[in-house]
Amino acid sequence: PSRPTSPSLIPSLTPLLKMPRLHSELARETFAYAAAFLALHFVCRTLSHYASPTFRRCSPSDKAYWAASMVSTVNAVAVAAVAIQVFVTEPGLTALADDLHASVPELESWGGFFLGYFVADQLGNAYWWREWSGVEATTVHHVIGMVAYWRVLTGGFCHFHALCGWLLEATTPFVNQRWFLVLERHARL
């Protein structure tokens, strides 16, 4: 015969035995998008090889940084466009700044995309740790970003503030373009 289980013990163990569904869904989305961003990285490298003489003259680490910059531009344009679209089309959105638990569905639906980018780019940072300058600061930025956005998406709070963070991503293509222009100028010297 089986022993009866204490009813008070079962509820206290339930959170430990089962990961919340949202965490597992977000993890699957994040890793699926990370794989897609890694594939995009290799597509960018391949296309750049055929399209740019400057790329062909780059060192292997600069070629990887080139492709990573192209991928970061794709991420930045996508999430900044989502943020701008939400701010333009949602009346009264700024009132959400005072409601920390207000939900922004677009942020939730694009969260795995954004986190997937962080994971994929962090893999590049880890691989090229010794060759890429500024990788320490980028790693801190990515880890803090991953933890913060994971908490925002799984905790259901600060969506408005996270959306404001996505607006800041609109600067990324300009930073990347500056690197490309400097590289092009040095290639011509």
C-alpha atoms as a PDB file:
ATOM      1  CA  PRO A   1       0.000   0.000   0.000  1.00  0.00           C
ATOM      2  CA  SER A   2       1.193   3.507  -0.753  1.00  0.00           C
ATOM      3  CA  ARG A   3       1.761   6.018   1.973  1.00  0.00           C
ATOM      4  CA  PRO A   4      -0.541   9.006   2.051  1.00  0.00           C
ATOM      5  CA  THR A   5       1.166  12.253   1.219  1.00  0.00           C
ATOM      6  CA  SER A   6       0.803  15.292   3.360  1.00  0.00           C
ATOM      7  CA  PRO A   7      -1.499  17.748   1.557  1.00  0.00           C
ATOM      8  CA  SER A   8       0.510  20.703   2.877  1.00  0.00           C
ATOM      9  CA  LEU A   9       3.743  19.325   1.381  1.00  0.00           C
ATOM     10  CA  ILE A  10       2.442  19.090  -2.207  1.00  0.00           C
ATOM     11  CA  PRO A  11       1.644  22.777  -2.767  1.00  0.00           C
ATOM     12  CA  SER A  12       5.011  23.862  -1.366  1.00  0.00           C
ATOM     13  CA  LEU A  13       6.913  21.556  -3.766  1.00  0.00           C
ATOM     14  CA  THR A  14       4.877  22.390  -6.872  1.00  0.00           C
ATOM     15  CA  PRO A  15       6.864  25.533  -7.807  1.00  0.00           C
ATOM     16  CA  LEU A  16      10.102  23.587  -7.412  1.00  0.00           C
ATOM     17  CA  LEU A  17       8.990  20.683  -9.586  1.00  0.00           C
ATOM     18  CA  LYS A  18       7.580  22.585 -12.535  1.00  0.00           C
ATOM     19  CA  MET A  19       9.130  25.499 -14.382  1.00  0.00           C
ATOM     20  CA  PRO A  20       6.519  28.154 -15.148  1.00  0.00           C
ATOM     21  CA  ARG A  21       5.217  27.787 -18.674  1.00  0.00           C
ATOM     22  CA  LEU A  22       6.160  31.314 -19.661  1.00  0.00           C
ATOM     23  CA  HIS A  23       9.813  30.692 -18.813  1.00  0.00           C
ATOM     24  CA  SER A  24       9.952  27.547 -20.941  1.00  0.00           C
ATOM     25  CA  GLU A  25       8.131  29.236 -23.842  1.00  0.00           C
ATOM     26  CA  LEU A  26      10.430  32.240 -23.682  1.00  0.00           C
ATOM     27  CA  ALA A  27      13.482  29.971 -23.558  1.00  0.00           C
ATOM     28  CA  ARG A  28      12.332  28.084 -26.677  1.00  0.00           C
ATOM     29  CA  GLU A  29      11.625  31.343 -28.531  1.00  0.00           C
ATOM     30  CA  THR A  30      14.933  32.842 -27.450  1.00  0.00           C
ATOM     31  CA  PHE A  31      16.995  29.888 -28.631  1.00  0.00           C
ATOM     32  CA  ALA A  32      15.059  29.613 -31.899  1.00  0.00           C
ATOM     33  CA  TYR A  33      15.761  33.274 -32.628  1.00  0.00           C
ATOM     34  CA  ALA A  34      19.374  32.883 -31.509  1.00  0.00           C
ATOM     35  CA  ALA A  35      19.777  30.122 -34.112  1.00  0.00           C
ATOM     36  CA  ALA A  36      18.161  32.367 -36.734  1.00  0.00           C
ATOM     37  CA  PHE A  37      20.516  35.237 -35.849  1.00  0.00           C
ATOM     38  CA  LEU A  38      23.526  32.914 -36.086  1.00  0.00           C
ATOM     39  CA  ALA A  39      22.338  31.796 -39.521  1.00  0.00           C
ATOM     40  CA  LEU A  40      21.904  35.449 -40.520  1.00  0.00           C
ATOM     41  CA  HIS A  41      25.470  36.089 -39.362  1.00  0.00           C
ATOM     42  CA  PHE A  42      26.778  33.495 -41.812  1.00  0.00           C
ATOM     43  CA  VAL A  43      24.545  34.810 -44.608  1.00  0.00           C
ATOM     44  CA  CYS A  44      25.930  38.310 -44.000  1.00  0.00           C
ATOM     45  CA  ARG A  45      29.496  36.988 -44.111  1.00  0.00           C
ATOM     46  CA  THR A  46      28.855  35.142 -47.351  1.00  0.00           C
ATOM     47  CA  LEU A  47      27.122  38.059 -49.066  1.00  0.00           C
ATOM     48  CA  SER A  48      29.752  40.529 -47.856  1.00  0.00           C
ATOM     49  CA  HIS A  49      32.497  38.347 -49.305  1.00  0.00           C
ATOM     50  CA  TYR A  50      30.975  38.708 -52.763  1.00  0.00           C
ATOM     51  CA  ALA A  51      29.830  42.331 -52.415  1.00  0.00           C
ATOM     52  CA  SER A  52      32.723  44.104 -50.712  1.00  0.00           C
ATOM     53  CA  PRO A  53      36.407  44.224 -51.584  1.00  0.00           C
ATOM     54  CA  THR A  54      37.026  45.812 -48.170  1.00  0.00           C
ATOM     55  CA  PHE A  55      35.470  42.795 -46.455  1.00  0.00           C
ATOM     56  CA  ARG A  56      37.712  40.429 -48.411  1.00  0.00           C
ATOM     57  CA  ARG A  57      40.807  42.298 -47.136  1.00  0.00           C
ATOM     58  CA  CYS A  58      39.717  42.067 -43.470  1.00  0.00           C
ATOM     59  CA  SER A  59      41.224  39.765 -40.889  1.00  0.00           C
ATOM     60  CA  PRO A  60      39.049  36.813 -39.802  1.00  0.00           C
ATOM     61  CA  SER A  61      38.071  38.589 -36.572  1.00  0.00           C
ATOM     62  CA  ASP A  62      37.153  41.781 -38.468  1.00  0.00           C
ATOM     63  CA  LYS A  63      35.059  39.719 -40.894  1.00  0.00           C
ATOM     64  CA  ALA A  64      33.194  38.264 -37.925  1.00  0.00           C
ATOM     65  CA  TYR A  65      32.766  41.734 -36.406  1.00  0.00           C
ATOM     66  CA  TRP A  66      31.529  43.027 -39.780  1.00  0.00           C
ATOM     67  CA  ALA A  67      28.841  40.337 -39.933  1.00  0.00           C
ATOM     68  CA  ALA A  68      27.968  40.832 -36.256  1.00  0.00           C
ATOM     69  CA  SER A  69      27.515  44.547 -36.944  1.00  0.00           C
ATOM     70  CA  MET A  70      25.181  43.799 -39.833  1.00  0.00           C
ATOM     71  CA  VAL A  71      23.146  41.433 -37.643  1.00  0.00           C
ATOM     72  CA  SER A  72      23.003  43.981 -34.810  1.00  0.00           C
ATOM     73  CA  THR A  73      21.676  46.518 -37.298  1.00  0.00           C
ATOM     74  CA  VAL A  74      18.889  44.109 -38.288  1.00  0.00           C
ATOM     75  CA  ASN A  75      17.970  43.618 -34.624  1.00  0.00           C
ATOM     76  CA  ALA A  76      18.130  47.338 -33.862  1.00  0.00           C
ATOM     77  CA  VAL A  77      16.014  48.387 -36.833  1.00  0.00           C
ATOM     78  CA  ALA A  78      13.399  45.727 -36.033  1.00  0.00           C
ATOM     79  CA  VAL A  79      12.956  46.477 -32.335  1.00  0.00           C
ATOM     80  CA  ALA A  80      13.205  50.252 -32.756  1.00  0.00           C
ATOM     81  CA  ALA A  81      10.566  50.062 -35.495  1.00  0.00           C
ATOM     82  CA  VAL A  82       8.284  48.057 -33.189  1.00  0.00           C
ATOM     83  CA  ALA A  83       8.780  50.606 -30.404  1.00  0.00           C
ATOM     84  CA  ILE A  84       8.112  53.553 -32.720  1.00  0.00           C
ATOM     85  CA  GLN A  85       5.024  51.841 -34.131  1.00  0.00           C
ATOM     86  CA  VAL A  86       3.672  51.245 -30.615  1.00  0.00           C
ATOM     87  CA  PHE A  87       4.334  54.820 -29.510  1.00  0.00           C
ATOM     88  CA  VAL A  88       2.697  56.231 -32.651  1.00  0.00           C
ATOM     89  CA  THR A  89      -0.369  53.975 -32.779  1.00  0.00           C
ATOM     90  CA  GLU A  90      -1.237  53.451 -29.119  1.00  0.00           C
ATOM     91  CA  PRO A  91      -3.104  56.444 -27.692  1.00  0.00           C
ATOM     92  CA  GLY A  92      -2.280  57.163 -24.081  1.00  0.00           C
ATOM     93  CA  LEU A  93       0.752  54.902 -24.055  1.00  0.00           C
ATOM     94  CA  THR A  94       2.790  57.380 -22.026  1.00  0.00           C
ATOM     95  CA  ALA A  95       0.253  56.971 -19.219  1.00  0.00           C
ATOM     96  CA  LEU A  96       1.692  53.462 -18.852  1.00  0.00           C
ATOM     97  CA  ALA A  97       4.860  55.011 -17.436  1.00  0.00           C
ATOM     98  CA  ASP A  98       3.055  55.265 -14.092  1.00  0.00           C
ATOM     99  CA  ASP A  99       1.584  51.750 -14.256  1.00  0.00           C
ATOM    100  CA  LEU A 100       4.480  49.351 -13.760  1.00  0.00           C
ATOM    101  CA  HIS A 101       2.272  46.320 -14.434  1.00  0.00           C
ATOM    102  CA  ALA A 102       0.710  47.571 -17.683  1.00  0.00           C
ATOM    103  CA  SER A 103       1.286  45.127 -20.519  1.00  0.00           C
ATOM    104  CA  VAL A 104       2.471  45.951 -24.043  1.00  0.00           C
ATOM    105  CA  PRO A 105       1.604  42.943 -26.259  1.00  0.00           C
ATOM    106  CA  GLU A 106       4.166  43.903 -28.920  1.00  0.00           C
ATOM    107  CA  LEU A 107       6.949  43.782 -26.355  1.00  0.00           C
ATOM    108  CA  GLU A 108       5.837  40.324 -25.289  1.00  0.00           C
ATOM    109  CA  SER A 109       5.571  39.025 -28.848  1.00  0.00           C
ATOM    110  CA  TRP A 110       9.008  40.398 -29.851  1.00  0.00           C
ATOM    111  CA  GLY A 111      10.763  39.512 -26.578  1.00  0.00           C
ATOM    112  CA  GLY A 112      12.197  36.207 -27.801  1.00  0.00           C
ATOM    113  CA  PHE A 113      13.540  37.971 -30.892  1.00  0.00           C
ATOM    114  CA  PHE A 114      15.387  40.548 -28.796  1.00  0.00           C
ATOM    115  CA  LEU A 115      16.722  38.024 -26.297  1.00  0.00           C
ATOM    116  CA  GLY A 116      17.730  35.690 -29.135  1.00  0.00           C
ATOM    117  CA  TYR A 117      19.846  38.456 -30.607  1.00  0.00           C
ATOM    118  CA  PHE A 118      21.596  38.964 -27.258  1.00  0.00           C
ATOM    119  CA  VAL A 119      22.363  35.253 -26.976  1.00  0.00           C
ATOM    120  CA  ALA A 120      23.673  34.969 -30.543  1.00  0.00           C
ATOM    121  CA  ASP A 121      25.831  38.087 -30.271  1.00  0.00           C
ATOM    122  CA  GLN A 122      27.183  36.977 -26.917  1.00  0.00           C
ATOM    123  CA  LEU A 123      28.351  33.723 -28.518  1.00  0.00           C
ATOM    124  CA  GLY A 124      30.378  35.822 -30.973  1.00  0.00           C
ATOM    125  CA  ASN A 125      31.778  37.870 -28.100  1.00  0.00           C
ATOM    126  CA  ALA A 126      32.851  34.704 -26.324  1.00  0.00           C
ATOM    127  CA  TYR A 127      34.494  33.258 -29.443  1.00  0.00           C
ATOM    128  CA  TRP A 128      36.353  36.473 -30.390  1.00  0.00           C
ATOM    129  CA  TRP A 129      37.061  37.561 -26.804  1.00  0.00           C
ATOM    130  CA  ARG A 130      40.777  38.242 -27.354  1.00  0.00           C
ATOM    131  CA  GLU A 131      40.470  39.876 -30.780  1.00  0.00           C
ATOM    132  CA  TRP A 132      37.476  42.233 -30.469  1.00  0.00           C
ATOM    133  CA  SER A 133      37.997  45.477 -28.590  1.00  0.00           C
ATOM    134  CA  GLY A 134      35.356  46.504 -26.074  1.00  0.00           C
ATOM    135  CA  VAL A 135      34.065  42.971 -25.666  1.00  0.00           C
ATOM    136  CA  GLU A 136      34.071  43.241 -21.884  1.00  0.00           C
ATOM    137  CA  ALA A 137      31.694  46.227 -21.908  1.00  0.00           C
ATOM    138  CA  THR A 138      29.526  44.573 -24.553  1.00  0.00           C
ATOM    139  CA  THR A 139      29.334  41.412 -22.466  1.00  0.00           C
ATOM    140  CA  VAL A 140      28.238  43.359 -19.384  1.00  0.00           C
ATOM    141  CA  HIS A 141      25.669  45.189 -21.528  1.00  0.00           C
ATOM    142  CA  HIS A 142      24.329  41.919 -22.964  1.00  0.00           C
ATOM    143  CA  VAL A 143      24.156  40.078 -19.650  1.00  0.00           C
ATOM    144  CA  ILE A 144      22.375  42.963 -17.928  1.00  0.00           C
ATOM    145  CA  GLY A 145      20.059  43.282 -20.931  1.00  0.00           C
ATOM    146  CA  MET A 146      19.248  39.579 -20.949  1.00  0.00           C
ATOM    147  CA  VAL A 147      18.512  39.466 -17.233  1.00  0.00           C
ATOM    148  CA  ALA A 148      16.466  42.685 -17.294  1.00  0.00           C
ATOM    149  CA  TYR A 149      14.366  41.758 -20.327  1.00  0.00           C
ATOM    150  CA  TRP A 150      13.852  38.215 -19.080  1.00  0.00           C
ATOM    151  CA  ARG A 151      12.512  39.641 -15.818  1.00  0.00           C
ATOM    152  CA  VAL A 152      10.347  42.179 -17.674  1.00  0.00           C
ATOM    153  CA  LEU A 153       8.846  39.499 -19.898  1.00  0.00           C
ATOM    154  CA  THR A 154       8.350  36.816 -17.265  1.00  0.00           C
ATOM    155  CA  GLY A 155       7.443  39.181 -14.438  1.00  0.00           C
ATOM    156  CA  GLY A 156       4.986  41.254 -16.433  1.00  0.00           C
ATOM    157  CA  PHE A 157       6.208  44.660 -15.319  1.00  0.00           C
ATOM    158  CA  CYS A 158       7.989  47.757 -16.695  1.00  0.00           C
ATOM    159  CA  HIS A 159       6.899  47.132 -20.290  1.00  0.00           C
ATOM    160  CA  PHE A 160       6.718  50.862 -21.026  1.00  0.00           C
ATOM    161  CA  HIS A 161      10.277  51.361 -19.778  1.00  0.00           C
ATOM    162  CA  ALA A 162      11.546  48.375 -21.743  1.00  0.00           C
ATOM    163  CA  LEU A 163       9.905  49.812 -24.847  1.00  0.00           C
ATOM    164  CA  CYS A 164      11.782  53.073 -24.234  1.00  0.00           C
ATOM    165  CA  GLY A 165      14.960  50.973 -24.147  1.00  0.00           C
ATOM    166  CA  TRP A 166      14.089  49.615 -27.568  1.00  0.00           C
ATOM    167  CA  LEU A 167      13.900  53.181 -28.875  1.00  0.00           C
ATOM    168  CA  LEU A 168      17.560  53.572 -27.898  1.00  0.00           C
ATOM    169  CA  GLU A 169      18.409  50.716 -30.260  1.00  0.00           C
ATOM    170  CA  ALA A 170      17.697  53.158 -33.107  1.00  0.00           C
ATOM    171  CA  THR A 171      21.225  54.541 -32.584  1.00  0.00           C
ATOM    172  CA  THR A 172      22.908  51.195 -33.305  1.00  0.00           C
ATOM    173  CA  PRO A 173      22.870  51.413 -37.129  1.00  0.00           C
ATOM    174  CA  PHE A 174      24.684  54.766 -36.918  1.00  0.00           C
ATOM    175  CA  VAL A 175      27.367  53.393 -34.600  1.00  0.00           C
ATOM    176  CA  ASN A 176      27.807  50.400 -36.915  1.00  0.00           C
ATOM    177  CA  GLN A 177      27.956  52.609 -40.005  1.00  0.00           C
ATOM    178  CA  ARG A 178      30.708  54.668 -38.393  1.00  0.00           C
ATOM    179  CA  TRP A 179      32.758  51.477 -37.911  1.00  0.00           C
ATOM    180  CA  PHE A 180      32.197  50.489 -41.561  1.00  0.00           C
ATOM    181  CA  LEU A 181      33.261  53.952 -42.760  1.00  0.00           C
ATOM    182  CA  VAL A 182      36.418  53.921 -40.633  1.00  0.00           C
ATOM    183  CA  LEU A 183      37.261  50.454 -41.929  1.00  0.00           C
ATOM    184  CA  GLU A 184      36.681  51.562 -45.529  1.00  0.00           C
ATOM    185  CA  ARG A 185      38.861  54.633 -45.045  1.00  0.00           C
ATOM    186  CA  HIS A 186      41.713  52.531 -43.615  1.00  0.00           C
ATOM    187  CA  ALA A 187      41.362  50.043 -46.456  1.00  0.00           C
ATOM    188  CA  ARG A 188      41.923  52.836 -48.972  1.00  0.00           C
ATOM    189  CA  LEU A 189      45.043  54.208 -47.285  1.00  0.00           C
END
